[in-house]
Amino acid sequence: LTKVRRDVSFVNLCKGGIFSCEAGIRKPDAGIYRAFEAAYGKPDLFFDDMERNIIGASAMGWKAVRFTGVDMFRETVDLLLSGRL
């Protein structure tokens, strides 16, 4: 976890999370998504840059979108907030 905190510049913005290094499972294993749901509930929206992780989240019934850039992220969040997603 120390490496994650050091290497991921935005991790300090997260209030919590399920870290693979602590849980012993990695995306797209369904167990990581179940662990997240157990701790935080089902997310309103899930972003990831890896297609296999989008497929894994979608299989859990999550709204999952592949992250391709900041503009796309903003547009997708706007759609979600407006009820059009």
N, C-alpha and C. Protein backbone atom coordinates (compact mmCIF):
# COMPACT_ATOMS: atom_id res chain seq x y z
N LEU A 1 0.83 -1.20 0.00
CA LEU A 1 0.00 0.00 0.00
C LEU A 1 0.87 1.25 0.00
N THR A 2 2.01 1.20 0.65
CA THR A 2 2.92 2.34 0.65
C THR A 2 3.34 2.68 -0.77
N LYS A 3 3.60 1.67 -1.60
CA LYS A 3 3.98 1.89 -2.99
C LYS A 3 2.83 2.56 -3.75
N VAL A 4 1.61 2.12 -3.51
CA VAL A 4 0.45 2.74 -4.17
C VAL A 4 0.36 4.20 -3.77
N ARG A 5 0.45 4.47 -2.50
CA ARG A 5 0.38 5.86 -2.03
C ARG A 5 1.49 6.73 -2.63
N ARG A 6 2.66 6.12 -2.84
CA ARG A 6 3.78 6.85 -3.41
C ARG A 6 3.64 7.05 -4.92
N ASP A 7 3.14 6.03 -5.63
CA ASP A 7 3.15 6.04 -7.09
C ASP A 7 1.88 6.58 -7.75
N VAL A 8 0.77 6.60 -7.03
CA VAL A 8 -0.50 7.06 -7.61
C VAL A 8 -0.80 8.45 -7.06
N SER A 9 -0.64 9.44 -7.92
CA SER A 9 -0.70 10.84 -7.47
C SER A 9 -2.04 11.24 -6.86
N PHE A 10 -3.13 10.62 -7.27
CA PHE A 10 -4.44 11.04 -6.80
C PHE A 10 -5.00 10.21 -5.65
N VAL A 11 -4.23 9.24 -5.16
CA VAL A 11 -4.76 8.35 -4.12
C VAL A 11 -5.17 9.12 -2.86
N ASN A 12 -4.54 10.25 -2.59
CA ASN A 12 -4.91 11.04 -1.41
C ASN A 12 -6.32 11.64 -1.54
N LEU A 13 -6.87 11.67 -2.75
CA LEU A 13 -8.21 12.19 -2.95
C LEU A 13 -9.29 11.15 -2.65
N CYS A 14 -8.89 9.90 -2.50
CA CYS A 14 -9.84 8.81 -2.25
C CYS A 14 -10.11 8.70 -0.76
N LYS A 15 -11.39 8.57 -0.42
CA LYS A 15 -11.79 8.43 0.98
C LYS A 15 -11.58 6.99 1.47
N GLY A 16 -11.50 6.07 0.56
CA GLY A 16 -11.33 4.68 0.91
C GLY A 16 -11.21 3.87 -0.36
N GLY A 17 -11.11 2.60 -0.23
CA GLY A 17 -11.01 1.76 -1.41
C GLY A 17 -10.61 0.35 -1.03
N ILE A 18 -10.66 -0.50 -2.02
CA ILE A 18 -10.21 -1.87 -1.86
C ILE A 18 -8.92 -1.97 -2.68
N PHE A 19 -7.83 -2.21 -2.01
CA PHE A 19 -6.54 -2.29 -2.67
C PHE A 19 -6.16 -3.75 -2.86
N SER A 20 -5.81 -4.10 -4.08
CA SER A 20 -5.44 -5.49 -4.40
C SER A 20 -4.36 -6.02 -3.49
N CYS A 21 -3.39 -5.17 -3.16
CA CYS A 21 -2.29 -5.61 -2.32
C CYS A 21 -2.75 -6.00 -0.91
N GLU A 22 -3.86 -5.45 -0.47
CA GLU A 22 -4.41 -5.80 0.85
C GLU A 22 -5.41 -6.95 0.75
N ALA A 23 -6.23 -6.94 -0.31
CA ALA A 23 -7.29 -7.93 -0.45
C ALA A 23 -6.78 -9.27 -0.97
N GLY A 24 -5.64 -9.26 -1.65
CA GLY A 24 -5.10 -10.50 -2.20
C GLY A 24 -5.81 -10.96 -3.46
N ILE A 25 -6.60 -10.11 -4.06
CA ILE A 25 -7.28 -10.39 -5.33
C ILE A 25 -7.18 -9.16 -6.22
N ARG A 26 -7.26 -9.39 -7.51
CA ARG A 26 -7.10 -8.29 -8.46
C ARG A 26 -8.26 -8.29 -9.45
N LYS A 27 -8.54 -7.10 -9.97
CA LYS A 27 -9.50 -7.00 -11.06
C LYS A 27 -8.92 -7.77 -12.24
N PRO A 28 -9.71 -8.46 -12.99
CA PRO A 28 -11.16 -8.49 -13.02
C PRO A 28 -11.80 -9.61 -12.20
N ASP A 29 -11.08 -10.21 -11.25
CA ASP A 29 -11.67 -11.24 -10.39
C ASP A 29 -12.90 -10.68 -9.70
N ALA A 30 -14.01 -11.40 -9.77
CA ALA A 30 -15.27 -10.93 -9.19
C ALA A 30 -15.15 -10.64 -7.70
N GLY A 31 -14.23 -11.30 -7.02
CA GLY A 31 -14.06 -11.10 -5.59
C GLY A 31 -13.70 -9.67 -5.22
N ILE A 32 -12.95 -8.99 -6.06
CA ILE A 32 -12.57 -7.61 -5.76
C ILE A 32 -13.78 -6.69 -5.82
N TYR A 33 -14.68 -6.96 -6.77
CA TYR A 33 -15.90 -6.16 -6.88
C TYR A 33 -16.85 -6.46 -5.70
N ARG A 34 -16.92 -7.73 -5.33
CA ARG A 34 -17.75 -8.10 -4.16
C ARG A 34 -17.21 -7.45 -2.89
N ALA A 35 -15.89 -7.42 -2.75
CA ALA A 35 -15.28 -6.79 -1.57
C ALA A 35 -15.62 -5.30 -1.52
N PHE A 36 -15.60 -4.65 -2.68
CA PHE A 36 -15.97 -3.24 -2.73
C PHE A 36 -17.42 -3.05 -2.32
N GLU A 37 -18.32 -3.87 -2.88
CA GLU A 37 -19.74 -3.77 -2.52
C GLU A 37 -19.96 -4.00 -1.03
N ALA A 38 -19.25 -4.95 -0.45
CA ALA A 38 -19.41 -5.24 0.98
C ALA A 38 -18.99 -4.03 1.82
N ALA A 39 -17.97 -3.32 1.38
CA ALA A 39 -17.47 -2.18 2.15
C ALA A 39 -18.22 -0.88 1.87
N TYR A 40 -18.65 -0.68 0.60
CA TYR A 40 -19.18 0.63 0.20
C TYR A 40 -20.53 0.59 -0.51
N GLY A 41 -21.00 -0.59 -0.85
CA GLY A 41 -22.21 -0.70 -1.66
C GLY A 41 -21.88 -0.64 -3.14
N LYS A 42 -22.89 -0.76 -3.96
CA LYS A 42 -22.70 -0.74 -5.40
C LYS A 42 -22.43 0.70 -5.85
N PRO A 43 -21.38 0.92 -6.64
CA PRO A 43 -21.07 2.28 -7.07
C PRO A 43 -22.09 2.78 -8.11
N ASP A 44 -22.27 4.08 -8.14
CA ASP A 44 -23.13 4.67 -9.16
C ASP A 44 -22.51 4.56 -10.54
N LEU A 45 -21.18 4.60 -10.59
CA LEU A 45 -20.47 4.55 -11.86
C LEU A 45 -19.05 4.10 -11.61
N PHE A 46 -18.56 3.23 -12.47
CA PHE A 46 -17.21 2.69 -12.34
C PHE A 46 -16.42 3.03 -13.60
N PHE A 47 -15.24 3.60 -13.44
CA PHE A 47 -14.34 3.90 -14.54
C PHE A 47 -13.08 3.06 -14.41
N ASP A 48 -12.56 2.62 -15.53
CA ASP A 48 -11.27 1.94 -15.55
C ASP A 48 -10.72 2.08 -16.97
N ASP A 49 -9.41 2.05 -17.10
CA ASP A 49 -8.83 2.17 -18.43
C ASP A 49 -8.63 0.82 -19.12
N MET A 50 -8.87 -0.27 -18.39
CA MET A 50 -8.67 -1.60 -18.95
C MET A 50 -10.02 -2.24 -19.29
N GLU A 51 -10.16 -2.66 -20.53
CA GLU A 51 -11.42 -3.26 -21.00
C GLU A 51 -11.82 -4.48 -20.17
N ARG A 52 -10.86 -5.32 -19.80
CA ARG A 52 -11.20 -6.53 -19.04
C ARG A 52 -11.81 -6.17 -17.68
N ASN A 53 -11.41 -5.04 -17.09
CA ASN A 53 -11.97 -4.62 -15.81
C ASN A 53 -13.38 -4.05 -15.99
N ILE A 54 -13.63 -3.43 -17.12
CA ILE A 54 -14.98 -2.95 -17.45
C ILE A 54 -15.91 -4.15 -17.60
N ILE A 55 -15.43 -5.18 -18.28
CA ILE A 55 -16.23 -6.40 -18.46
C ILE A 55 -16.54 -7.03 -17.10
N GLY A 56 -15.53 -7.10 -16.22
CA GLY A 56 -15.74 -7.67 -14.88
C GLY A 56 -16.74 -6.89 -14.07
N ALA A 57 -16.65 -5.57 -14.10
CA ALA A 57 -17.60 -4.73 -13.35
C ALA A 57 -19.00 -4.83 -13.94
N SER A 58 -19.09 -4.85 -15.25
CA SER A 58 -20.40 -4.98 -15.91
C SER A 58 -21.06 -6.31 -15.56
N ALA A 59 -20.26 -7.36 -15.43
CA ALA A 59 -20.80 -8.67 -15.05
C ALA A 59 -21.41 -8.64 -13.65
N MET A 60 -20.98 -7.69 -12.82
CA MET A 60 -21.53 -7.53 -11.48
C MET A 60 -22.77 -6.64 -11.48
N GLY A 61 -23.14 -6.16 -12.66
CA GLY A 61 -24.31 -5.29 -12.77
C GLY A 61 -23.98 -3.82 -12.54
N TRP A 62 -22.71 -3.48 -12.56
CA TRP A 62 -22.29 -2.09 -12.36
C TRP A 62 -22.36 -1.33 -13.68
N LYS A 63 -22.67 -0.04 -13.62
CA LYS A 63 -22.50 0.84 -14.77
C LYS A 63 -21.00 1.06 -14.88
N ALA A 64 -20.42 0.59 -15.96
CA ALA A 64 -18.97 0.62 -16.10
C ALA A 64 -18.60 1.24 -17.44
N VAL A 65 -17.65 2.16 -17.40
CA VAL A 65 -17.24 2.91 -18.58
C VAL A 65 -15.72 2.89 -18.67
N ARG A 66 -15.24 2.65 -19.87
CA ARG A 66 -13.79 2.66 -20.07
C ARG A 66 -13.29 4.10 -20.12
N PHE A 67 -12.34 4.41 -19.26
CA PHE A 67 -11.76 5.74 -19.19
C PHE A 67 -10.81 5.93 -20.36
N THR A 68 -11.07 6.99 -21.16
CA THR A 68 -10.20 7.29 -22.29
C THR A 68 -9.64 8.70 -22.23
N GLY A 69 -10.06 9.47 -21.24
CA GLY A 69 -9.54 10.82 -21.10
C GLY A 69 -10.42 11.68 -20.22
N VAL A 70 -9.90 12.82 -19.86
CA VAL A 70 -10.59 13.71 -18.93
C VAL A 70 -11.89 14.25 -19.52
N ASP A 71 -11.88 14.65 -20.79
CA ASP A 71 -13.11 15.17 -21.41
C ASP A 71 -14.21 14.12 -21.41
N MET A 72 -13.86 12.90 -21.78
CA MET A 72 -14.84 11.81 -21.78
C MET A 72 -15.37 11.57 -20.37
N PHE A 73 -14.49 11.64 -19.37
CA PHE A 73 -14.89 11.47 -17.97
C PHE A 73 -15.93 12.53 -17.58
N ARG A 74 -15.63 13.78 -17.88
CA ARG A 74 -16.56 14.87 -17.55
C ARG A 74 -17.91 14.68 -18.23
N GLU A 75 -17.89 14.34 -19.52
CA GLU A 75 -19.14 14.13 -20.26
C GLU A 75 -19.96 13.00 -19.66
N THR A 76 -19.30 11.93 -19.29
CA THR A 76 -19.99 10.77 -18.71
C THR A 76 -20.59 11.11 -17.35
N VAL A 77 -19.85 11.82 -16.51
CA VAL A 77 -20.38 12.23 -15.21
C VAL A 77 -21.56 13.18 -15.40
N ASP A 78 -21.46 14.10 -16.35
CA ASP A 78 -22.59 15.00 -16.64
C ASP A 78 -23.83 14.21 -17.06
N LEU A 79 -23.66 13.20 -17.89
CA LEU A 79 -24.78 12.34 -18.30
C LEU A 79 -25.40 11.64 -17.09
N LEU A 80 -24.54 11.12 -16.22
CA LEU A 80 -25.03 10.43 -15.02
C LEU A 80 -25.81 11.38 -14.14
N LEU A 81 -25.27 12.57 -13.89
CA LEU A 81 -25.92 13.54 -13.01
C LEU A 81 -27.23 14.07 -13.60
N SER A 82 -27.33 14.10 -14.92
CA SER A 82 -28.55 14.57 -15.56
C SER A 82 -29.60 13.48 -15.69
N GLY A 83 -29.24 12.24 -15.34
CA GLY A 83 -30.17 11.13 -15.43
C GLY A 83 -30.26 10.52 -16.82
N ARG A 84 -29.35 10.89 -17.70
CA ARG A 84 -29.37 10.37 -19.07
C ARG A 84 -28.46 9.15 -19.25
N LEU A 85 -27.88 8.68 -18.17
CA LEU A 85 -27.02 7.48 -18.24
C LEU A 85 -27.54 6.44 -17.28
